């Protein structure tokens, strides 16, 4: 850190006793306050009034100007701007917690079946059996399962279990029949896997999405319950803002309603799904913004995921010769939506994992984006980039919206997919950062953990939570602690055009702040994942609180 903020001047302190103190709603004292301002200053105290930060500085400076009935003595604990998840599925996470069997961390398909049987027994009234979180790369044979066991165990109920990345599902025959899928079904931008001419139950990308369309939708009450449950979990880990990557009109309207009722206080930057109704309701009517909901972007998909071999590559998969992956939408379709967004002043945020998909998106973007533009169009994930394509990010100001925990989740098998040369330009966060001088970092939860400190740790250490590998995975692309903090605070806010109102602890900004029990900027990097949030403040009000001594 570059300097410490102390008293504004000796004269002001001498005269302070003659000045009547102003009332504040909250004063934090004796903290280590990482302001994340332009100089990365460190302060000791913060005062808040009407949800806005009114003073930041030394204890004496703030204490001599403000008084409050709500003073918290932090006793040296660290304070940061409220954490921002720059790419997640907030609503989807809430739905998962509400109605899905949790298959995360299962070590075999037999374990998946065991979890599903237990879930089915506890939820006998459910007409569908849904689950999420399995990953065949964590299993001994590392191959996709088929649905034979599901057909035997659940002959009378449709079963849909979603892979960890959300881009593949395994379904039983009952679900296939309900969707009208058979061996002759063809879905552009998707794949129905077959073996010996018969469907295995594995569906990729658009095929998976098409089947999910027949799953009974949640009613409005359940949607509200999912959103409020997700909010509670987010506040617990210090998240005060999220960028939800793909919301339709109905969910957006419920979010807005809950905001206005004072129930949902999570700040949400909503990327809209580009269906006709949502585009006509929002995009063509301009930007919509309230204190808690900001709508000025659309979410597009170029390809699938690397783990399920749906990412679109310039050269074949190293472990599957002849398979290049595929685009889930045509370039013409993507281009048409970019045109609508550009015309209406909307940001475009496109999912692109493979180097071919990234190149396709960059080439479409360059039709609309001139050098020095401030449209802040983004490529979500930017996971595999051809060496010659990195510079185009900087040339047309495209923002890499990365997910640092993807590197440490995928590192066990990513080289098998890409080979020893192409892997060098995958998960290349430092190289991407250098193009524009900033990037955003999100978790992509529920694909990864909801805890933003895991993303901070992965960005800096390039290791998993057990400390593997010893030297870090491709450590040349690690971020510094300062860069990692900015990527989930001020840069994340900038990625949503909100850097003037949040993302740092400065007078005039919204008082979203987090207090932790250890200093993530100075402690051993291995200790960061064990750090606990003590306080989460949204607009200066505690929305999560652990034990802390008050003055």
Protein backbone atom coordinates (compact mmCIF):
# COMPACT_ATOMS: atom_id res chain seq x y z
CA UNK A 1 0.00 0.00 0.00
CA UNK A 2 1.31 3.43 -0.82
CA UNK A 3 0.43 5.64 2.15
CA UNK A 4 -1.64 5.99 5.30
CA UNK A 5 -4.40 8.57 5.70
CA UNK A 6 -3.95 10.51 8.91
CA UNK A 7 -5.19 13.87 10.20
CA UNK A 8 -6.05 16.54 7.68
CA UNK A 9 -3.85 19.04 9.51
CA UNK A 10 -2.75 20.19 12.94
CA UNK A 11 -4.80 23.39 12.80
CA UNK A 12 -8.03 21.52 12.14
CA UNK A 13 -7.39 19.28 15.14
CA UNK A 14 -6.67 22.23 17.43
CA UNK A 15 -9.90 23.92 16.40
CA UNK A 16 -11.97 20.70 16.42
CA UNK A 17 -13.15 21.22 19.99
CA UNK A 18 -14.78 24.51 18.93
CA UNK A 19 -16.78 22.88 16.11
CA UNK A 20 -20.07 21.17 16.77
CA UNK A 21 -19.86 17.55 15.66
CA UNK A 22 -22.16 16.28 12.95
CA UNK A 23 -24.34 13.26 13.59
CA UNK A 24 -23.54 10.09 11.65
CA UNK A 25 -25.52 6.87 11.45
CA UNK A 26 -22.40 4.70 11.78
CA UNK A 27 -18.78 5.23 12.69
CA UNK A 28 -16.10 2.57 12.33
CA UNK A 29 -12.95 3.19 14.39
CA UNK A 30 -9.57 1.51 14.83
CA UNK A 31 -9.74 -0.44 11.61
CA UNK A 32 -7.33 -1.11 8.78
CA UNK A 33 -9.46 0.37 6.01
CA UNK A 34 -8.43 -0.54 2.48
CA UNK A 35 -10.08 2.30 0.61
CA UNK A 36 -9.22 1.01 -2.90
CA UNK A 37 -9.17 4.61 -4.05
CA UNK A 38 -6.86 5.72 -6.86
CA UNK A 39 -3.86 5.75 -4.50
CA UNK A 40 -4.83 2.57 -2.61
CA UNK A 41 -4.75 4.56 0.64
CA UNK A 42 -5.22 2.90 4.01
CA UNK A 43 -7.31 4.65 6.66
CA UNK A 44 -8.42 3.96 10.24
CA UNK A 45 -11.99 5.21 10.42
CA UNK A 46 -15.14 5.68 8.37
CA UNK A 47 -18.31 7.69 9.01
CA UNK A 48 -21.62 7.00 7.28
CA UNK A 49 -24.83 9.03 7.03
CA UNK A 50 -27.99 8.20 5.08
CA UNK A 51 -26.28 5.21 3.51
CA UNK A 52 -23.41 7.26 2.09
CA UNK A 53 -19.80 7.47 3.24
CA UNK A 54 -19.20 11.01 4.53
CA UNK A 55 -15.67 10.74 5.94
CA UNK A 56 -12.65 8.47 5.67
CA UNK A 57 -9.39 9.05 7.51
CA UNK A 58 -7.61 8.79 10.83
CA UNK A 59 -9.50 8.06 14.05
CA UNK A 60 -8.95 11.61 15.32
CA UNK A 61 -9.99 13.24 12.07
CA UNK A 62 -13.26 11.33 11.75
CA UNK A 63 -13.95 11.35 15.51
CA UNK A 64 -13.51 15.11 15.79
CA UNK A 65 -15.96 15.78 12.97
CA UNK A 66 -18.66 13.17 13.64
CA UNK A 67 -20.51 11.57 16.51
CA UNK A 68 -22.92 8.65 16.46
CA UNK A 69 -24.97 6.38 18.66
CA UNK A 70 -23.59 3.53 16.57
CA UNK A 71 -19.81 3.39 16.94
CA UNK A 72 -17.98 0.13 16.31
CA UNK A 73 -14.46 -0.38 17.60
CA UNK A 74 -12.90 -2.74 15.08
CA UNK A 75 -9.79 -3.35 17.20
CA UNK A 76 -7.50 -3.56 14.20
CA UNK A 77 -9.74 -5.66 11.97
CA UNK A 78 -9.61 -5.10 8.21
CA UNK A 79 -12.25 -3.26 6.20
CA UNK A 80 -12.77 -3.50 2.43
CA UNK A 81 -15.31 -2.16 -0.05
CA UNK A 82 -18.26 -4.50 -0.32
CA UNK A 83 -17.23 -7.47 -2.46
CA UNK A 84 -18.75 -7.65 -5.94
CA UNK A 85 -19.16 -10.90 -7.84
CA UNK A 86 -18.71 -9.72 -11.42
CA UNK A 87 -20.17 -12.86 -13.00
CA UNK A 88 -22.47 -15.30 -11.23
CA UNK A 89 -25.90 -16.86 -11.37
CA UNK A 90 -27.46 -15.41 -8.24
CA UNK A 91 -31.00 -16.48 -9.02
CA UNK A 92 -29.87 -19.89 -10.31
CA UNK A 93 -27.95 -20.47 -7.08
CA UNK A 94 -31.08 -19.74 -5.08
CA UNK A 95 -33.10 -22.18 -7.18
CA UNK A 96 -30.45 -24.87 -6.71
CA UNK A 97 -30.60 -24.50 -2.94
CA UNK A 98 -34.37 -24.71 -3.05
CA UNK A 99 -35.26 -27.66 -5.29
CA UNK A 100 -32.12 -29.46 -6.51
CA UNK A 101 -30.21 -32.43 -5.11
CA UNK A 102 -26.66 -31.30 -4.42
CA UNK A 103 -24.28 -33.48 -6.44
CA UNK A 104 -21.23 -31.25 -5.92
CA UNK A 105 -18.10 -33.15 -4.95
CA UNK A 106 -19.45 -36.62 -5.76
CA UNK A 107 -16.52 -38.93 -6.47
CA UNK A 108 -18.31 -41.51 -8.62
CA UNK A 109 -21.54 -42.05 -10.49
CA UNK A 110 -22.55 -44.57 -7.82
CA UNK A 111 -22.34 -41.74 -5.29
CA UNK A 112 -24.52 -39.60 -7.55
CA UNK A 113 -27.14 -42.35 -7.61
CA UNK A 114 -26.99 -42.68 -3.83
CA UNK A 115 -27.60 -38.93 -3.36
CA UNK A 116 -30.49 -39.01 -5.82
CA UNK A 117 -32.15 -41.95 -4.07
CA UNK A 118 -31.94 -40.20 -0.71
CA UNK A 119 -33.22 -36.95 -2.23
CA UNK A 120 -36.13 -38.77 -3.88
CA UNK A 121 -37.14 -40.37 -0.57
CA UNK A 122 -37.20 -36.99 1.17
CA UNK A 123 -39.11 -35.32 -1.67
CA UNK A 124 -41.67 -37.94 -2.65
CA UNK A 125 -44.18 -35.34 -3.78
CA UNK A 126 -41.84 -33.90 -6.39
CA UNK A 127 -43.02 -34.73 -9.88
CA UNK A 128 -39.49 -34.31 -11.27
CA UNK A 129 -36.16 -35.28 -9.75
CA UNK A 130 -33.59 -32.54 -10.31
CA UNK A 131 -29.94 -32.36 -9.32
CA UNK A 132 -26.85 -30.36 -10.07
CA UNK A 133 -23.10 -30.40 -9.53
CA UNK A 134 -21.70 -33.70 -10.85
CA UNK A 135 -18.40 -33.66 -12.72
CA UNK A 136 -17.15 -36.77 -14.49
CA UNK A 137 -13.61 -35.36 -14.32
CA UNK A 138 -13.68 -36.05 -10.57
CA UNK A 139 -14.48 -39.73 -11.11
CA UNK A 140 -11.99 -42.58 -11.64
CA UNK A 141 -12.89 -43.21 -15.30
CA UNK A 142 -13.51 -39.52 -16.24
CA UNK A 143 -16.13 -40.39 -18.85
CA UNK A 144 -19.74 -39.31 -19.24
CA UNK A 145 -22.21 -41.72 -17.63
CA UNK A 146 -25.30 -43.04 -19.40
CA UNK A 147 -28.86 -43.24 -18.14
CA UNK A 148 -29.31 -46.99 -17.72
CA UNK A 149 -29.17 -46.84 -13.93
CA UNK A 150 -31.46 -43.82 -13.82
CA UNK A 151 -34.00 -45.70 -15.96
CA UNK A 152 -33.97 -48.62 -13.53
CA UNK A 153 -34.13 -46.54 -10.36
CA UNK A 154 -36.67 -43.98 -11.58
CA UNK A 155 -38.86 -45.54 -14.27
CA UNK A 156 -41.90 -43.38 -13.49
CA UNK A 157 -40.42 -39.92 -12.82
CA UNK A 158 -38.42 -37.70 -15.16
CA UNK A 159 -34.85 -37.15 -13.88
CA UNK A 160 -32.63 -34.26 -14.98
CA UNK A 161 -29.21 -33.86 -13.41
CA UNK A 162 -27.03 -30.98 -14.54
CA UNK A 163 -23.26 -31.06 -14.80
CA UNK A 164 -21.31 -28.60 -12.64
CA UNK A 165 -20.78 -26.16 -15.53
CA UNK A 166 -24.48 -26.04 -16.47
CA UNK A 167 -23.71 -26.96 -20.09
CA UNK A 168 -24.50 -30.69 -19.95
CA UNK A 169 -27.26 -32.78 -18.42
CA UNK A 170 -27.91 -36.46 -17.92
CA UNK A 171 -31.58 -37.39 -18.17
CA UNK A 172 -33.50 -40.63 -17.94
CA UNK A 173 -35.76 -42.11 -20.62
CA UNK A 174 -38.86 -40.68 -18.94
CA UNK A 175 -37.47 -37.15 -19.41
CA UNK A 176 -36.42 -37.86 -23.01
CA UNK A 177 -39.92 -39.12 -23.80
CA UNK A 178 -41.50 -36.09 -22.14
CA UNK A 179 -39.41 -33.82 -24.36
CA UNK A 180 -40.13 -35.87 -27.48
CA UNK A 181 -36.43 -36.55 -28.03
CA UNK A 182 -35.34 -39.62 -29.96
CA UNK A 183 -32.38 -40.84 -32.00
CA UNK A 184 -33.42 -38.65 -34.95
CA UNK A 185 -33.68 -35.42 -32.95
CA UNK A 186 -31.33 -32.67 -34.13
CA UNK A 187 -30.93 -29.42 -32.20
CA UNK A 188 -28.63 -26.75 -33.70
CA UNK A 189 -25.95 -25.65 -31.24
CA UNK A 190 -26.49 -28.76 -29.17
CA UNK A 191 -25.67 -32.43 -29.09
CA UNK A 192 -27.57 -35.55 -28.07
CA UNK A 193 -24.93 -38.16 -27.33
CA UNK A 194 -25.47 -41.64 -28.76
CA UNK A 195 -23.90 -45.04 -28.23
CA UNK A 196 -24.60 -47.90 -30.61
CA UNK A 197 -27.23 -45.72 -32.22
CA UNK A 198 -29.18 -45.11 -28.99
CA UNK A 199 -29.40 -41.98 -26.85
CA UNK A 200 -27.28 -42.20 -23.71
CA UNK A 201 -29.15 -39.43 -21.91
CA UNK A 202 -26.24 -36.97 -22.15
CA UNK A 203 -27.35 -33.69 -23.72
CA UNK A 204 -25.01 -30.77 -24.38
CA UNK A 205 -25.68 -27.02 -24.51
CA UNK A 206 -28.76 -26.13 -26.61
CA UNK A 207 -30.04 -29.70 -26.40
CA UNK A 208 -29.81 -29.54 -22.62
CA UNK A 209 -31.51 -26.14 -22.58
CA UNK A 210 -34.29 -27.37 -24.84
CA UNK A 211 -35.10 -30.24 -22.53
CA UNK A 212 -35.00 -28.00 -19.45
CA UNK A 213 -37.78 -25.94 -21.02
CA UNK A 214 -40.29 -28.66 -20.16
CA UNK A 215 -39.33 -28.81 -16.48
CA UNK A 216 -42.24 -27.24 -14.57
CA UNK A 217 -41.37 -23.61 -13.82
CA UNK A 218 -41.25 -22.15 -10.33
CA UNK A 219 -44.18 -20.01 -9.26
CA UNK A 220 -43.60 -16.40 -8.17
CA UNK A 221 -43.54 -17.30 -4.48
CA UNK A 222 -40.82 -19.89 -5.05
CA UNK A 223 -38.81 -17.45 -7.18
CA UNK A 224 -38.96 -14.94 -4.33
CA UNK A 225 -37.88 -17.58 -1.84
CA UNK A 226 -34.94 -18.53 -4.05
CA UNK A 227 -33.80 -14.91 -4.40
CA UNK A 228 -34.03 -14.18 -0.67
CA UNK A 229 -32.19 -17.38 0.20
CA UNK A 230 -29.38 -16.50 -2.20
CA UNK A 231 -29.16 -13.03 -0.69
CA UNK A 232 -28.68 -14.40 2.82
CA UNK A 233 -25.81 -16.63 1.72
CA UNK A 234 -24.16 -13.83 -0.25
CA UNK A 235 -24.21 -11.39 2.66
CA UNK A 236 -22.62 -14.06 4.86
CA UNK A 237 -19.51 -14.15 2.65
CA UNK A 238 -19.27 -10.38 2.17
CA UNK A 239 -20.97 -9.95 -1.19
CA UNK A 240 -22.96 -6.73 -1.42
CA UNK A 241 -23.35 -6.68 -5.22
CA UNK A 242 -23.65 -9.35 -7.89
CA UNK A 243 -23.73 -9.42 -11.66
CA UNK A 244 -26.34 -12.03 -12.58
CA UNK A 245 -25.42 -13.47 -15.95
CA UNK A 246 -28.75 -14.12 -17.61
CA UNK A 247 -32.17 -13.10 -16.29
CA UNK A 248 -35.52 -13.08 -18.06
CA UNK A 249 -38.32 -10.56 -17.75
CA UNK A 250 -40.33 -12.38 -15.09
CA UNK A 251 -37.44 -12.84 -12.68
CA UNK A 252 -36.28 -9.24 -13.21
CA UNK A 253 -39.75 -7.97 -12.35
CA UNK A 254 -39.85 -10.03 -9.15
CA UNK A 255 -36.39 -8.73 -8.19
CA UNK A 256 -37.60 -5.17 -8.74
CA UNK A 257 -40.72 -5.82 -6.66
CA UNK A 258 -38.74 -7.32 -3.77
CA UNK A 259 -36.36 -4.35 -3.91
CA UNK A 260 -39.23 -1.90 -3.61
CA UNK A 261 -40.72 -3.88 -0.72
CA UNK A 262 -37.38 -3.58 1.11
CA UNK A 263 -36.89 -7.35 1.23
CA UNK A 264 -34.15 -7.78 -1.37
CA UNK A 265 -31.18 -5.50 -0.63
CA UNK A 266 -28.58 -7.19 -2.77
CA UNK A 267 -27.41 -4.83 -5.50
CA UNK A 268 -27.90 -6.62 -8.81
CA UNK A 269 -26.51 -5.75 -12.20
CA UNK A 270 -28.71 -7.85 -14.46
CA UNK A 271 -27.52 -9.24 -17.76
CA UNK A 272 -30.70 -9.91 -19.69
CA UNK A 273 -31.44 -13.06 -21.63
CA UNK A 274 -32.04 -11.82 -25.19
CA UNK A 275 -35.45 -13.37 -25.82
CA UNK A 276 -37.88 -11.19 -27.77
CA UNK A 277 -40.12 -10.27 -24.81
CA UNK A 278 -37.20 -9.25 -22.58
CA UNK A 279 -35.52 -7.25 -25.35
CA UNK A 280 -38.74 -5.41 -26.18
CA UNK A 281 -39.51 -4.70 -22.52
CA UNK A 282 -36.08 -3.43 -21.50
CA UNK A 283 -33.43 -3.06 -24.20
CA UNK A 284 -35.55 -1.08 -26.64
CA UNK A 285 -36.79 1.20 -23.86
CA UNK A 286 -33.36 2.15 -22.56
CA UNK A 287 -31.41 1.70 -19.35
CA UNK A 288 -33.32 0.95 -16.14
CA UNK A 289 -31.72 1.79 -12.81
CA UNK A 290 -32.81 1.89 -9.18
CA UNK A 291 -30.65 1.85 -6.01
CA UNK A 292 -30.62 -1.96 -6.12
CA UNK A 293 -31.26 -2.97 -9.73
CA UNK A 294 -29.33 -1.88 -12.81
CA UNK A 295 -30.28 -3.10 -16.28
CA UNK A 296 -28.11 -2.05 -19.21
CA UNK A 297 -26.66 -5.26 -20.67
CA UNK A 298 -27.54 -8.46 -22.49
CA UNK A 299 -25.97 -11.91 -22.07
CA UNK A 300 -25.06 -13.89 -25.18
CA UNK A 301 -23.58 -17.37 -25.61
CA UNK A 302 -21.00 -18.25 -28.23
CA UNK A 303 -20.07 -21.78 -27.15
CA UNK A 304 -20.24 -24.31 -24.33
CA UNK A 305 -17.77 -25.46 -21.68
CA UNK A 306 -14.32 -27.04 -21.85
CA UNK A 307 -15.09 -29.75 -19.30
CA UNK A 308 -17.90 -31.16 -21.41
CA UNK A 309 -15.98 -30.55 -24.68
CA UNK A 310 -18.52 -28.01 -25.85
CA UNK A 311 -16.07 -25.12 -26.01
CA UNK A 312 -15.39 -24.16 -29.64
CA UNK A 313 -11.68 -24.53 -30.51
CA UNK A 314 -9.54 -23.51 -33.48
CA UNK A 315 -7.85 -26.91 -33.40
CA UNK A 316 -9.31 -30.24 -32.24
CA UNK A 317 -9.41 -31.34 -28.64
CA UNK A 318 -6.07 -32.86 -27.73
CA UNK A 319 -7.80 -35.82 -26.09
CA UNK A 320 -10.55 -36.14 -28.73
CA UNK A 321 -9.08 -35.74 -32.26
CA UNK A 322 -11.66 -34.61 -34.78
CA UNK A 323 -13.77 -32.81 -32.18
CA UNK A 324 -13.53 -29.01 -32.36
CA UNK A 325 -16.49 -28.35 -30.07
CA UNK A 326 -19.14 -26.07 -31.53
CA UNK A 327 -20.80 -22.68 -31.47
CA UNK A 328 -24.17 -22.72 -29.73
CA UNK A 329 -25.35 -19.72 -31.75
CA UNK A 330 -24.48 -18.63 -35.26
CA UNK A 331 -22.26 -15.58 -35.79
CA UNK A 332 -25.15 -13.97 -37.66
CA UNK A 333 -27.45 -14.35 -34.65
CA UNK A 334 -24.84 -12.93 -32.29
CA UNK A 335 -24.19 -10.05 -34.68
CA UNK A 336 -27.90 -9.21 -34.91
CA UNK A 337 -28.18 -8.87 -31.14
CA UNK A 338 -24.99 -6.82 -30.94
CA UNK A 339 -26.59 -4.43 -33.43
CA UNK A 340 -29.71 -4.06 -31.27
CA UNK A 341 -27.63 -3.53 -28.14
CA UNK A 342 -25.36 -0.99 -29.81
CA UNK A 343 -28.30 0.98 -31.17
CA UNK A 344 -29.89 1.18 -27.72
CA UNK A 345 -26.75 1.92 -25.73
CA UNK A 346 -26.62 -1.49 -24.06
CA UNK A 347 -23.53 -3.40 -23.02
CA UNK A 348 -22.93 -6.83 -24.62
CA UNK A 349 -21.50 -9.62 -22.45
CA UNK A 350 -20.80 -12.82 -24.36
CA UNK A 351 -19.86 -16.21 -22.94
CA UNK A 352 -16.84 -17.51 -24.87
CA UNK A 353 -14.63 -20.33 -23.56
CA UNK A 354 -12.74 -21.73 -26.57
CA UNK A 355 -10.24 -19.80 -28.67
CA UNK A 356 -12.42 -20.10 -31.76
CA UNK A 357 -15.43 -18.71 -29.89
CA UNK A 358 -13.32 -15.87 -28.46
CA UNK A 359 -12.08 -14.96 -31.95
CA UNK A 360 -15.60 -15.07 -33.35
CA UNK A 361 -16.85 -12.70 -30.66
CA UNK A 362 -13.91 -10.31 -31.02
CA UNK A 363 -14.46 -10.13 -34.76
CA UNK A 364 -18.14 -9.33 -34.28
CA UNK A 365 -17.40 -6.74 -31.61
CA UNK A 366 -14.84 -4.94 -33.81
CA UNK A 367 -17.61 -4.14 -36.29
CA UNK A 368 -19.17 -1.89 -33.65
CA UNK A 369 -16.37 -0.86 -31.32
CA UNK A 370 -13.84 1.76 -32.33
CA UNK A 371 -10.54 2.39 -30.53
CA UNK A 372 -10.98 4.40 -27.32
CA UNK A 373 -14.67 3.53 -27.04
CA UNK A 374 -16.22 3.33 -23.56
CA UNK A 375 -18.93 0.77 -24.31
CA UNK A 376 -17.24 -1.76 -21.99
CA UNK A 377 -18.42 -4.78 -23.95
CA UNK A 378 -17.17 -7.91 -22.26
CA UNK A 379 -16.14 -11.45 -23.05
CA UNK A 380 -17.29 -13.60 -20.16
CA UNK A 381 -14.70 -16.19 -19.08
CA UNK A 382 -12.16 -15.48 -21.88
CA UNK A 383 -10.80 -18.88 -20.95
CA UNK A 384 -8.74 -19.96 -23.97
CA UNK A 385 -7.34 -17.23 -26.23
CA UNK A 386 -5.18 -17.62 -29.33
CA UNK A 387 -1.83 -15.80 -28.87
CA UNK A 388 -2.50 -13.39 -31.72
CA UNK A 389 -5.93 -12.41 -30.33
CA UNK A 390 -4.93 -11.01 -26.94
CA UNK A 391 -4.04 -7.59 -28.34
CA UNK A 392 -7.50 -7.08 -29.83
CA UNK A 393 -8.95 -6.81 -26.30
CA UNK A 394 -6.90 -3.66 -25.81
CA UNK A 395 -7.31 -2.34 -29.34
CA UNK A 396 -11.10 -2.10 -29.07
CA UNK A 397 -11.41 -1.92 -25.27
CA UNK A 398 -13.06 -5.29 -24.69
CA UNK A 399 -13.18 -6.27 -21.02
CA UNK A 400 -12.04 -9.77 -19.96
CA UNK A 401 -14.61 -10.87 -17.36
CA UNK A 402 -12.65 -13.76 -15.85
CA UNK A 403 -13.31 -16.39 -13.20
CA UNK A 404 -10.09 -17.17 -11.38
CA UNK A 405 -11.40 -20.25 -9.59
CA UNK A 406 -12.02 -21.88 -12.96
CA UNK A 407 -8.25 -22.16 -13.39
CA UNK A 408 -7.79 -24.03 -10.13
CA UNK A 409 -10.85 -26.23 -10.72
CA UNK A 410 -9.90 -27.15 -14.28
CA UNK A 411 -6.12 -27.47 -13.90
CA UNK A 412 -6.25 -31.22 -13.19
CA UNK A 413 -7.56 -32.03 -16.68
CA UNK A 414 -7.35 -28.84 -18.80
CA UNK A 415 -4.06 -29.82 -20.43
CA UNK A 416 -5.62 -33.12 -21.47
CA UNK A 417 -8.23 -31.12 -23.41
CA UNK A 418 -5.85 -28.51 -24.87
CA UNK A 419 -2.39 -30.04 -25.05
CA UNK A 420 0.94 -28.68 -23.72
CA UNK A 421 1.16 -25.68 -26.07
CA UNK A 422 -2.40 -24.35 -26.12
CA UNK A 423 -2.71 -24.58 -22.32
CA UNK A 424 -0.12 -21.78 -22.03
CA UNK A 425 -2.70 -19.30 -23.33
CA UNK A 426 -5.56 -20.57 -21.20
CA UNK A 427 -6.60 -18.99 -17.88
CA UNK A 428 -4.06 -16.27 -18.76
CA UNK A 429 -5.38 -13.63 -16.39
CA UNK A 430 -2.24 -11.51 -16.10
CA UNK A 431 -1.82 -11.43 -19.87
CA UNK A 432 -5.47 -10.42 -20.26
CA UNK A 433 -5.10 -7.76 -17.57
CA UNK A 434 -2.23 -6.18 -19.47
CA UNK A 435 -4.39 -5.44 -22.52
CA UNK A 436 -6.54 -2.72 -20.92
CA UNK A 437 -4.97 -2.43 -17.47
CA UNK A 438 -8.01 -3.88 -15.69
CA UNK A 439 -10.41 -6.80 -15.66
CA UNK A 440 -13.30 -8.11 -13.58
CA UNK A 441 -13.42 -11.30 -11.52
CA UNK A 442 -16.49 -13.33 -10.69
CA UNK A 443 -17.01 -16.80 -9.32
CA UNK A 444 -19.64 -18.06 -11.80
CA UNK A 445 -21.42 -19.57 -8.79
CA UNK A 446 -23.04 -22.06 -8.45
CA UNK A 447 -20.47 -23.49 -10.86
CA UNK A 448 -17.87 -22.54 -8.22
CA UNK A 449 -18.13 -21.63 -4.55
CA UNK A 450 -20.05 -18.51 -3.60
CA UNK A 451 -17.15 -17.32 -1.41
CA UNK A 452 -15.34 -14.40 -3.15
CA UNK A 453 -12.21 -14.94 -1.06
CA UNK A 454 -11.67 -18.23 -2.88
CA UNK A 455 -11.45 -16.23 -6.11
CA UNK A 456 -8.99 -13.79 -4.52
CA UNK A 457 -6.86 -16.72 -3.34
CA UNK A 458 -6.99 -18.52 -6.70
CA UNK A 459 -5.98 -15.33 -8.53
CA UNK A 460 -2.91 -14.80 -6.37
CA UNK A 461 -1.81 -18.32 -5.37
CA UNK A 462 -3.03 -20.23 -8.46
CA UNK A 463 -3.57 -23.21 -6.14
CA UNK A 464 -6.52 -25.23 -4.93
CA UNK A 465 -7.65 -25.13 -1.31
CA UNK A 466 -5.28 -27.96 -0.37
CA UNK A 467 -2.29 -25.92 -1.62
CA UNK A 468 -1.81 -27.91 -4.83
CA UNK A 469 0.30 -27.56 -6.91
CA UNK A 470 3.25 -26.51 -4.82
CA UNK A 471 4.46 -23.79 -7.19
CA UNK A 472 1.03 -22.79 -8.43
CA UNK A 473 -0.69 -23.53 -11.74
CA UNK A 474 0.95 -21.42 -14.47
CA UNK A 475 2.04 -18.86 -11.83
CA UNK A 476 3.26 -16.47 -14.52
CA UNK A 477 -0.40 -15.50 -14.93
CA UNK A 478 -1.08 -14.86 -11.26
CA UNK A 479 -2.45 -11.48 -10.16
CA UNK A 480 -1.04 -9.41 -7.32
CA UNK A 481 -3.12 -8.98 -4.18
CA UNK A 482 -3.86 -5.40 -5.14
CA UNK A 483 -5.06 -6.46 -8.60
CA UNK A 484 -7.13 -9.30 -7.14
CA UNK A 485 -8.81 -6.95 -4.67
CA UNK A 486 -9.56 -4.38 -7.37
CA UNK A 487 -11.00 -7.10 -9.63
CA UNK A 488 -13.71 -7.81 -7.05
CA UNK A 489 -14.31 -4.22 -5.96
CA UNK A 490 -13.58 -1.11 -8.02
CA UNK A 491 -12.88 -2.88 -11.33
CA UNK A 492 -15.95 -5.07 -10.86
CA UNK A 493 -17.99 -1.90 -10.32
CA UNK A 494 -16.41 -0.36 -13.42
CA UNK A 495 -17.41 -3.43 -15.42
CA UNK A 496 -21.01 -2.47 -14.67
CA UNK A 497 -20.59 1.32 -15.11
CA UNK A 498 -20.90 1.82 -11.36
CA UNK A 499 -17.41 2.89 -10.29
CA UNK A 500 -18.60 6.41 -9.40
CA UNK A 501 -21.00 5.09 -6.77
CA UNK A 502 -19.37 1.99 -5.27
CA UNK A 503 -16.32 -0.26 -5.36
CA UNK A 504 -14.16 1.88 -3.05
CA UNK A 505 -14.44 3.47 0.39
CA UNK A 506 -14.54 7.17 -0.39
CA UNK A 507 -16.74 10.10 0.63
CA UNK A 508 -19.82 10.31 -1.55
CA UNK A 509 -19.97 6.60 -2.33
CA UNK A 510 -22.51 4.04 -1.12
CA UNK A 511 -21.47 2.61 2.26
CA UNK A 512 -21.13 -1.02 1.18
CA UNK A 513 -18.29 -2.46 3.28
CA UNK A 514 -16.94 -5.75 4.60
CA UNK A 515 -15.01 -6.43 7.81
CA UNK A 516 -12.90 -9.60 8.06
CA UNK A 517 -11.12 -11.33 10.92
CA UNK A 518 -7.74 -11.30 9.16
CA UNK A 519 -5.98 -9.03 6.72
CA UNK A 520 -6.08 -10.72 3.31
CA UNK A 521 -3.61 -8.19 1.96
CA UNK A 522 -0.88 -9.18 4.43
CA UNK A 523 -1.60 -12.60 5.92
CA UNK A 524 -0.08 -15.77 4.53
CA UNK A 525 -1.81 -16.37 1.21
CA UNK A 526 -2.62 -19.93 2.30
CA UNK A 527 -4.69 -18.46 5.16
CA UNK A 528 -6.95 -16.37 2.94
CA UNK A 529 -9.56 -19.12 2.31
CA UNK A 530 -9.97 -19.52 6.08
CA UNK A 531 -10.78 -15.83 6.53
CA UNK A 532 -14.20 -15.11 8.01
CA UNK A 533 -16.46 -12.14 7.43
CA UNK A 534 -17.38 -10.39 10.67
CA UNK A 535 -19.61 -7.68 9.25
CA UNK A 536 -21.25 -6.98 5.94
CA UNK A 537 -22.71 -3.50 5.53
CA UNK A 538 -25.10 -2.54 2.75
CA UNK A 539 -25.71 1.18 2.64
CA UNK A 540 -24.16 1.50 6.07
CA UNK A 541 -26.55 -0.99 7.66
CA UNK A 542 -25.40 -4.39 8.88
CA UNK A 543 -26.92 -7.18 6.77
CA UNK A 544 -24.63 -9.81 8.28
CA UNK A 545 -23.00 -9.71 11.71
CA UNK A 546 -20.82 -11.97 13.78
CA UNK A 547 -19.59 -11.29 17.31
CA UNK A 548 -17.77 -7.98 17.58
CA UNK A 549 -17.14 -5.58 20.45
CA UNK A 550 -18.94 -2.27 20.16
CA UNK A 551 -17.81 0.94 21.85
